Amino acid sequence: MREDLDLKGKLTIVIENVVTGRIRTVVVDNLVILNGRNLIRDFLFGDAVTGLTHMALGTDTSEPSVTPTITEVFRKVFTSKAKADGKLTVDMYLSSTEANGYTLTSAALFGNGATDSAGTGTQYNKVIHDQISKTASLSITYTWDLYINAG
């Protein structure tokens, strides 16, 4: 019998125009990169690692690969997180005053020593999504569902 650990994720982005009330939703699957897989390995081994704490937003359009890449322009600690059987959900709320002037196209999760400074900690995953031209008219909620399936 073979048991595999399957790491998957789905990012849901809800973009609200705070002036008109119009809402647009974007949903995209993520790629868990090698560093993310090794973070899980290190935890299971008993290494002193810390969990995911921050989300980074980027302007790159390079497809996710197994190595850590993201052109970070904004990073923030999660607004909330919750766990259920085989699932971790993290949220980050981006207010109308944050990250304005950027065309956002990518996102990634970081942990294990991550801070609000770009390039800190261990990158877990990455997605490329539809362009979002961030202005003071928009607030955005990022909800990332991470699944750990065995079977």
N, C-alpha and C. Protein backbone atom coordinates (compact mmCIF):
# COMPACT_ATOMS: atom_id res chain seq x y z
N MET A 1 0.85 -1.17 0.00
CA MET A 1 0.00 0.00 0.00
C MET A 1 0.90 1.24 0.00
N ARG A 2 0.52 2.24 -0.77
CA ARG A 2 1.29 3.47 -0.87
C ARG A 2 0.45 4.63 -0.35
N GLU A 3 1.03 5.42 0.52
CA GLU A 3 0.36 6.62 1.04
C GLU A 3 1.12 7.84 0.56
N ASP A 4 0.45 8.80 -0.05
CA ASP A 4 1.06 10.03 -0.52
C ASP A 4 0.48 11.21 0.25
N LEU A 5 1.32 12.18 0.50
CA LEU A 5 0.87 13.44 1.08
C LEU A 5 0.69 14.42 -0.06
N ASP A 6 -0.51 14.88 -0.26
CA ASP A 6 -0.85 15.74 -1.38
C ASP A 6 -1.09 17.15 -0.86
N LEU A 7 -0.23 18.10 -1.25
CA LEU A 7 -0.36 19.49 -0.81
C LEU A 7 -0.95 20.30 -1.95
N LYS A 8 -2.12 20.87 -1.72
CA LYS A 8 -2.80 21.67 -2.74
C LYS A 8 -3.28 22.97 -2.11
N GLY A 9 -3.63 23.92 -2.94
CA GLY A 9 -4.16 25.17 -2.44
C GLY A 9 -4.98 25.90 -3.48
N LYS A 10 -5.84 26.78 -2.99
CA LYS A 10 -6.69 27.59 -3.86
C LYS A 10 -6.76 28.98 -3.26
N LEU A 11 -6.46 29.98 -4.06
CA LEU A 11 -6.54 31.37 -3.63
C LEU A 11 -7.78 32.01 -4.23
N THR A 12 -8.61 32.59 -3.36
CA THR A 12 -9.78 33.34 -3.79
C THR A 12 -9.52 34.81 -3.47
N ILE A 13 -9.61 35.66 -4.49
CA ILE A 13 -9.37 37.09 -4.35
C ILE A 13 -10.68 37.81 -4.59
N VAL A 14 -11.14 38.57 -3.59
CA VAL A 14 -12.38 39.35 -3.73
C VAL A 14 -11.99 40.82 -3.77
N ILE A 15 -12.26 41.44 -4.91
CA ILE A 15 -11.89 42.84 -5.15
C ILE A 15 -13.16 43.67 -5.08
N GLU A 16 -13.17 44.62 -4.16
CA GLU A 16 -14.35 45.48 -4.01
C GLU A 16 -14.00 46.91 -4.34
N ASN A 17 -14.79 47.49 -5.24
CA ASN A 17 -14.67 48.92 -5.51
C ASN A 17 -15.42 49.63 -4.40
N VAL A 18 -14.71 50.34 -3.53
CA VAL A 18 -15.33 50.96 -2.36
C VAL A 18 -16.19 52.16 -2.74
N VAL A 19 -16.07 52.65 -3.97
CA VAL A 19 -16.88 53.78 -4.43
C VAL A 19 -18.21 53.30 -4.99
N THR A 20 -18.16 52.28 -5.88
CA THR A 20 -19.37 51.81 -6.54
C THR A 20 -20.00 50.60 -5.86
N GLY A 21 -19.24 49.90 -5.02
CA GLY A 21 -19.73 48.69 -4.39
C GLY A 21 -19.62 47.46 -5.28
N ARG A 22 -19.11 47.64 -6.49
CA ARG A 22 -18.96 46.51 -7.42
C ARG A 22 -17.90 45.54 -6.90
N ILE A 23 -18.19 44.24 -7.03
CA ILE A 23 -17.29 43.20 -6.54
C ILE A 23 -16.92 42.27 -7.69
N ARG A 24 -15.63 41.92 -7.74
CA ARG A 24 -15.12 40.95 -8.72
C ARG A 24 -14.37 39.88 -7.95
N THR A 25 -14.52 38.62 -8.35
CA THR A 25 -13.85 37.51 -7.68
C THR A 25 -12.94 36.78 -8.66
N VAL A 26 -11.74 36.47 -8.20
CA VAL A 26 -10.77 35.71 -8.98
C VAL A 26 -10.40 34.48 -8.15
N VAL A 27 -10.36 33.30 -8.77
CA VAL A 27 -9.99 32.06 -8.07
C VAL A 27 -8.88 31.39 -8.88
N VAL A 28 -7.81 30.98 -8.19
CA VAL A 28 -6.67 30.36 -8.87
C VAL A 28 -6.04 29.31 -7.96
N ASP A 29 -5.56 28.21 -8.57
CA ASP A 29 -4.85 27.17 -7.83
C ASP A 29 -3.40 27.58 -7.64
N ASN A 30 -2.76 27.06 -6.59
CA ASN A 30 -1.37 27.38 -6.33
C ASN A 30 -0.45 26.20 -6.58
N LEU A 31 0.85 26.52 -6.60
CA LEU A 31 1.90 25.50 -6.67
C LEU A 31 2.67 25.57 -5.36
N VAL A 32 2.76 24.45 -4.66
CA VAL A 32 3.62 24.35 -3.48
C VAL A 32 5.03 24.12 -4.01
N ILE A 33 5.95 25.01 -3.66
CA ILE A 33 7.31 24.91 -4.18
C ILE A 33 8.16 23.99 -3.29
N LEU A 34 9.37 23.68 -3.73
CA LEU A 34 10.23 22.77 -2.98
C LEU A 34 10.48 23.27 -1.56
N ASN A 35 10.70 24.57 -1.38
CA ASN A 35 10.90 25.11 -0.03
C ASN A 35 9.70 24.85 0.86
N GLY A 36 8.50 24.93 0.31
CA GLY A 36 7.29 24.65 1.07
C GLY A 36 7.19 23.20 1.46
N ARG A 37 7.48 22.34 0.53
CA ARG A 37 7.50 20.91 0.82
C ARG A 37 8.53 20.59 1.90
N ASN A 38 9.71 21.19 1.79
CA ASN A 38 10.76 20.95 2.77
C ASN A 38 10.43 21.56 4.13
N LEU A 39 9.64 22.62 4.15
CA LEU A 39 9.18 23.19 5.42
C LEU A 39 8.32 22.17 6.17
N ILE A 40 7.43 21.50 5.45
CA ILE A 40 6.62 20.43 6.05
C ILE A 40 7.52 19.29 6.53
N ARG A 41 8.47 18.91 5.70
CA ARG A 41 9.43 17.85 6.07
C ARG A 41 10.16 18.20 7.36
N ASP A 42 10.66 19.45 7.44
CA ASP A 42 11.43 19.87 8.62
C ASP A 42 10.56 19.86 9.88
N PHE A 43 9.30 20.25 9.73
CA PHE A 43 8.38 20.20 10.87
C PHE A 43 8.20 18.76 11.35
N LEU A 44 7.96 17.85 10.40
CA LEU A 44 7.76 16.45 10.77
C LEU A 44 9.01 15.83 11.38
N PHE A 45 10.17 16.29 10.97
CA PHE A 45 11.44 15.80 11.50
C PHE A 45 11.65 16.27 12.94
N GLY A 46 11.03 17.41 13.27
CA GLY A 46 11.19 17.96 14.61
C GLY A 46 12.05 19.20 14.67
N ASP A 47 12.41 19.73 13.50
CA ASP A 47 13.19 20.97 13.49
C ASP A 47 12.35 22.11 14.06
N ALA A 48 13.04 23.11 14.57
CA ALA A 48 12.36 24.28 15.14
C ALA A 48 11.96 25.23 14.01
N VAL A 49 10.84 24.94 13.36
CA VAL A 49 10.33 25.80 12.30
C VAL A 49 9.02 26.43 12.79
N THR A 50 8.71 27.59 12.22
CA THR A 50 7.45 28.24 12.54
C THR A 50 6.56 28.22 11.31
N GLY A 51 5.27 28.31 11.55
CA GLY A 51 4.29 28.20 10.48
C GLY A 51 4.20 29.43 9.60
N LEU A 52 3.22 29.41 8.71
CA LEU A 52 2.99 30.51 7.78
C LEU A 52 2.41 31.70 8.52
N THR A 53 2.92 32.89 8.20
CA THR A 53 2.48 34.10 8.90
C THR A 53 2.19 35.28 7.98
N HIS A 54 2.78 35.30 6.79
CA HIS A 54 2.71 36.48 5.92
C HIS A 54 2.32 36.11 4.49
N MET A 55 1.69 37.08 3.82
CA MET A 55 1.41 36.96 2.40
C MET A 55 2.15 38.07 1.69
N ALA A 56 2.79 37.72 0.58
CA ALA A 56 3.47 38.70 -0.25
C ALA A 56 2.72 38.85 -1.56
N LEU A 57 2.67 40.07 -2.06
CA LEU A 57 2.04 40.36 -3.35
C LEU A 57 3.13 40.83 -4.29
N GLY A 58 3.01 40.44 -5.56
CA GLY A 58 4.04 40.78 -6.52
C GLY A 58 3.49 41.29 -7.83
N THR A 59 4.43 41.71 -8.68
CA THR A 59 4.09 42.27 -9.99
C THR A 59 4.60 41.40 -11.13
N ASP A 60 5.17 40.24 -10.81
CA ASP A 60 5.71 39.39 -11.87
C ASP A 60 4.62 38.53 -12.48
N THR A 61 4.91 38.06 -13.68
CA THR A 61 3.96 37.19 -14.38
C THR A 61 4.60 35.86 -14.74
N SER A 62 5.78 35.58 -14.16
CA SER A 62 6.43 34.30 -14.44
C SER A 62 5.66 33.18 -13.75
N GLU A 63 5.37 32.15 -14.50
CA GLU A 63 4.61 31.02 -13.96
C GLU A 63 5.33 30.44 -12.75
N PRO A 64 4.59 29.96 -11.77
CA PRO A 64 5.22 29.35 -10.60
C PRO A 64 6.09 28.16 -11.01
N SER A 65 7.21 28.05 -10.33
CA SER A 65 8.09 26.89 -10.54
C SER A 65 8.43 26.33 -9.17
N VAL A 66 9.19 25.28 -9.14
CA VAL A 66 9.50 24.63 -7.87
C VAL A 66 10.51 25.41 -7.04
N THR A 67 11.12 26.45 -7.61
CA THR A 67 12.07 27.28 -6.86
C THR A 67 11.38 28.58 -6.45
N PRO A 68 11.84 29.19 -5.34
CA PRO A 68 11.15 30.39 -4.83
C PRO A 68 11.44 31.64 -5.65
N THR A 69 10.38 32.18 -6.26
CA THR A 69 10.50 33.43 -6.99
C THR A 69 9.20 34.22 -6.83
N ILE A 70 9.33 35.49 -6.53
CA ILE A 70 8.21 36.42 -6.59
C ILE A 70 8.81 37.83 -6.52
N THR A 71 8.36 38.71 -7.38
CA THR A 71 8.81 40.09 -7.37
C THR A 71 7.91 40.83 -6.38
N GLU A 72 8.32 40.83 -5.12
CA GLU A 72 7.50 41.39 -4.04
C GLU A 72 7.43 42.91 -4.10
N VAL A 73 6.20 43.43 -3.94
CA VAL A 73 6.02 44.87 -3.79
C VAL A 73 5.27 45.21 -2.50
N PHE A 74 4.66 44.19 -1.88
CA PHE A 74 3.92 44.42 -0.65
C PHE A 74 3.86 43.11 0.12
N ARG A 75 3.97 43.21 1.45
CA ARG A 75 3.90 42.03 2.31
C ARG A 75 3.19 42.43 3.60
N LYS A 76 2.39 41.48 4.11
CA LYS A 76 1.61 41.78 5.31
C LYS A 76 1.31 40.49 6.06
N VAL A 77 1.21 40.60 7.40
CA VAL A 77 0.83 39.47 8.22
C VAL A 77 -0.64 39.14 7.95
N PHE A 78 -1.01 37.87 8.13
CA PHE A 78 -2.39 37.46 7.88
C PHE A 78 -3.36 38.22 8.77
N THR A 79 -4.54 38.51 8.24
CA THR A 79 -5.62 39.11 9.01
C THR A 79 -6.24 38.07 9.94
N SER A 80 -6.36 36.83 9.43
CA SER A 80 -6.90 35.74 10.24
C SER A 80 -6.44 34.41 9.66
N LYS A 81 -6.55 33.36 10.49
CA LYS A 81 -6.29 32.01 10.00
C LYS A 81 -7.13 31.04 10.82
N ALA A 82 -7.48 29.93 10.18
CA ALA A 82 -8.31 28.91 10.83
C ALA A 82 -7.91 27.55 10.29
N LYS A 83 -8.11 26.52 11.11
CA LYS A 83 -7.80 25.17 10.65
C LYS A 83 -9.01 24.27 10.82
N ALA A 84 -9.11 23.33 9.91
CA ALA A 84 -10.15 22.30 9.93
C ALA A 84 -9.47 21.00 9.54
N ASP A 85 -10.20 19.92 9.47
CA ASP A 85 -9.63 18.62 9.13
C ASP A 85 -8.99 18.67 7.74
N GLY A 86 -7.66 18.57 7.67
CA GLY A 86 -6.95 18.57 6.41
C GLY A 86 -6.90 19.89 5.69
N LYS A 87 -7.23 20.99 6.37
CA LYS A 87 -7.32 22.28 5.68
C LYS A 87 -6.87 23.41 6.60
N LEU A 88 -6.09 24.34 6.04
CA LEU A 88 -5.72 25.57 6.70
C LEU A 88 -6.21 26.71 5.82
N THR A 89 -6.90 27.69 6.41
CA THR A 89 -7.37 28.86 5.67
C THR A 89 -6.72 30.09 6.26
N VAL A 90 -6.12 30.91 5.40
CA VAL A 90 -5.54 32.18 5.84
C VAL A 90 -6.15 33.31 5.01
N ASP A 91 -6.37 34.43 5.66
CA ASP A 91 -6.94 35.61 5.02
C ASP A 91 -6.01 36.79 5.20
N MET A 92 -5.96 37.64 4.19
CA MET A 92 -5.28 38.92 4.31
C MET A 92 -6.16 39.98 3.67
N TYR A 93 -6.45 41.02 4.43
CA TYR A 93 -7.28 42.13 3.94
C TYR A 93 -6.36 43.27 3.55
N LEU A 94 -6.54 43.75 2.36
CA LEU A 94 -5.78 44.89 1.83
C LEU A 94 -6.74 46.06 1.73
N SER A 95 -6.55 47.05 2.56
CA SER A 95 -7.48 48.19 2.58
C SER A 95 -7.27 49.10 1.37
N SER A 96 -8.15 50.06 1.23
CA SER A 96 -8.06 50.99 0.09
C SER A 96 -6.83 51.88 0.17
N THR A 97 -6.16 51.92 1.32
CA THR A 97 -4.98 52.77 1.48
C THR A 97 -3.66 52.01 1.31
N GLU A 98 -3.72 50.69 1.07
CA GLU A 98 -2.51 49.88 1.01
C GLU A 98 -2.18 49.44 -0.42
N ALA A 99 -0.88 49.42 -0.74
CA ALA A 99 -0.33 48.90 -2.00
C ALA A 99 -0.86 49.62 -3.23
N ASN A 100 -1.23 50.87 -3.09
CA ASN A 100 -1.75 51.62 -4.24
C ASN A 100 -0.64 51.93 -5.24
N GLY A 101 -1.01 51.93 -6.51
CA GLY A 101 -0.07 52.26 -7.57
C GLY A 101 0.59 51.05 -8.21
N TYR A 102 0.33 49.87 -7.69
CA TYR A 102 0.93 48.65 -8.25
C TYR A 102 -0.09 47.89 -9.09
N THR A 103 0.40 47.21 -10.12
CA THR A 103 -0.41 46.26 -10.87
C THR A 103 -0.05 44.88 -10.33
N LEU A 104 -0.89 44.35 -9.47
CA LEU A 104 -0.63 43.10 -8.77
C LEU A 104 -0.97 41.92 -9.68
N THR A 105 -0.06 40.95 -9.74
CA THR A 105 -0.26 39.79 -10.61
C THR A 105 0.15 38.48 -9.96
N SER A 106 0.72 38.51 -8.75
CA SER A 106 1.18 37.28 -8.12
C SER A 106 1.05 37.38 -6.61
N ALA A 107 1.05 36.22 -5.95
CA ALA A 107 0.97 36.17 -4.50
C ALA A 107 1.68 34.92 -4.02
N ALA A 108 2.17 34.98 -2.77
CA ALA A 108 2.86 33.84 -2.18
C ALA A 108 2.73 33.92 -0.66
N LEU A 109 2.83 32.77 -0.01
CA LEU A 109 2.79 32.70 1.44
C LEU A 109 4.19 32.44 1.98
N PHE A 110 4.47 33.04 3.14
CA PHE A 110 5.79 32.92 3.77
C PHE A 110 5.62 32.58 5.24
N GLY A 111 6.59 31.86 5.78
CA GLY A 111 6.62 31.54 7.20
C GLY A 111 8.05 31.31 7.63
N ASN A 112 8.23 30.65 8.78
CA ASN A 112 9.54 30.28 9.29
C ASN A 112 10.49 31.46 9.32
N GLY A 113 10.13 32.47 10.10
CA GLY A 113 10.97 33.66 10.25
C GLY A 113 10.57 34.82 9.36
N ALA A 114 9.43 34.73 8.69
CA ALA A 114 8.98 35.82 7.84
C ALA A 114 8.63 37.04 8.69
N THR A 115 8.93 38.22 8.15
CA THR A 115 8.54 39.48 8.76
C THR A 115 7.86 40.32 7.69
N ASP A 116 7.55 41.57 8.01
CA ASP A 116 6.96 42.47 7.02
C ASP A 116 7.96 42.89 5.94
N SER A 117 9.24 42.55 6.11
CA SER A 117 10.28 42.91 5.14
C SER A 117 10.35 41.87 4.02
N ALA A 118 10.43 42.34 2.79
CA ALA A 118 10.55 41.45 1.63
C ALA A 118 11.78 40.57 1.76
N GLY A 119 11.63 39.33 1.29
CA GLY A 119 12.75 38.41 1.26
C GLY A 119 13.03 37.68 2.55
N THR A 120 12.22 37.88 3.59
CA THR A 120 12.46 37.19 4.86
C THR A 120 11.61 35.94 4.94
N GLY A 121 12.11 34.95 5.66
CA GLY A 121 11.37 33.71 5.87
C GLY A 121 11.47 32.75 4.71
N THR A 122 10.64 31.72 4.79
CA THR A 122 10.62 30.65 3.78
C THR A 122 9.36 30.77 2.95
N GLN A 123 9.51 30.82 1.62
CA GLN A 123 8.36 30.87 0.72
C GLN A 123 7.77 29.48 0.61
N TYR A 124 6.42 29.38 0.76
CA TYR A 124 5.73 28.10 0.73
C TYR A 124 5.16 27.79 -0.66
N ASN A 125 4.58 28.79 -1.32
CA ASN A 125 3.88 28.55 -2.57
C ASN A 125 3.86 29.81 -3.42
N LYS A 126 3.17 29.75 -4.55
CA LYS A 126 3.03 30.92 -5.42
C LYS A 126 1.86 30.72 -6.38
N VAL A 127 1.21 31.84 -6.73
CA VAL A 127 0.21 31.85 -7.80
C VAL A 127 0.44 33.07 -8.68
N ILE A 128 0.02 32.94 -9.92
CA ILE A 128 -0.11 34.06 -10.84
C ILE A 128 -1.61 34.25 -11.05
N HIS A 129 -2.09 35.50 -10.99
CA HIS A 129 -3.52 35.76 -11.14
C HIS A 129 -3.77 36.91 -12.11
N ASP A 130 -5.03 37.14 -12.44
CA ASP A 130 -5.41 38.25 -13.30
C ASP A 130 -4.86 39.56 -12.73
N GLN A 131 -4.52 40.49 -13.61
CA GLN A 131 -4.00 41.79 -13.18
C GLN A 131 -5.01 42.54 -12.33
N ILE A 132 -4.52 43.12 -11.24
CA ILE A 132 -5.33 44.00 -10.41
C ILE A 132 -4.58 45.31 -10.29
N SER A 133 -5.10 46.37 -10.88
CA SER A 133 -4.47 47.69 -10.77
C SER A 133 -4.98 48.30 -9.47
N LYS A 134 -4.14 48.26 -8.44
CA LYS A 134 -4.55 48.67 -7.09
C LYS A 134 -4.57 50.18 -6.98
N THR A 135 -5.73 50.70 -6.61
CA THR A 135 -5.92 52.14 -6.38
C THR A 135 -6.66 52.32 -5.06
N ALA A 136 -6.82 53.57 -4.66
CA ALA A 136 -7.55 53.87 -3.43
C ALA A 136 -9.03 53.55 -3.55
N SER A 137 -9.50 53.22 -4.74
CA SER A 137 -10.90 52.83 -4.94
C SER A 137 -11.15 51.36 -4.62
N LEU A 138 -10.08 50.60 -4.40
CA LEU A 138 -10.23 49.15 -4.22
C LEU A 138 -9.79 48.69 -2.84
N SER A 139 -10.56 47.77 -2.27
CA SER A 139 -10.11 46.96 -1.13
C SER A 139 -10.14 45.52 -1.62
N ILE A 140 -9.22 44.72 -1.11
CA ILE A 140 -9.09 43.35 -1.60
C ILE A 140 -8.95 42.40 -0.42
N THR A 141 -9.68 41.30 -0.49
CA THR A 141 -9.54 40.23 0.49
C THR A 141 -8.98 39.00 -0.22
N TYR A 142 -7.85 38.52 0.29
CA TYR A 142 -7.21 37.30 -0.22
C TYR A 142 -7.53 36.18 0.77
N THR A 143 -8.14 35.11 0.28
CA THR A 143 -8.42 33.94 1.12
C THR A 143 -7.75 32.73 0.49
N TRP A 144 -6.81 32.17 1.23
CA TRP A 144 -6.06 31.02 0.73
C TRP A 144 -6.46 29.79 1.50
N ASP A 145 -7.00 28.80 0.79
CA ASP A 145 -7.34 27.50 1.37
C ASP A 145 -6.22 26.54 1.01
N LEU A 146 -5.56 25.99 2.03
CA LEU A 146 -4.48 25.04 1.82
C LEU A 146 -4.95 23.68 2.28
N TYR A 147 -4.81 22.68 1.41
CA TYR A 147 -5.30 21.34 1.70
C TYR A 147 -4.13 20.38 1.85
N ILE A 148 -4.18 19.55 2.87
CA ILE A 148 -3.20 18.49 3.07
C ILE A 148 -3.97 17.18 3.06
N ASN A 149 -3.88 16.49 1.92
CA ASN A 149 -4.63 15.25 1.73
C ASN A 149 -3.69 14.06 1.81
N ALA A 150 -4.15 13.02 2.42
CA ALA A 150 -3.40 11.76 2.46
C ALA A 150 -4.18 10.71 1.69
N GLY A 151 -3.47 9.88 0.99
CA GLY A 151 -4.17 8.83 0.29
C GLY A 151 -3.39 8.25 -0.84
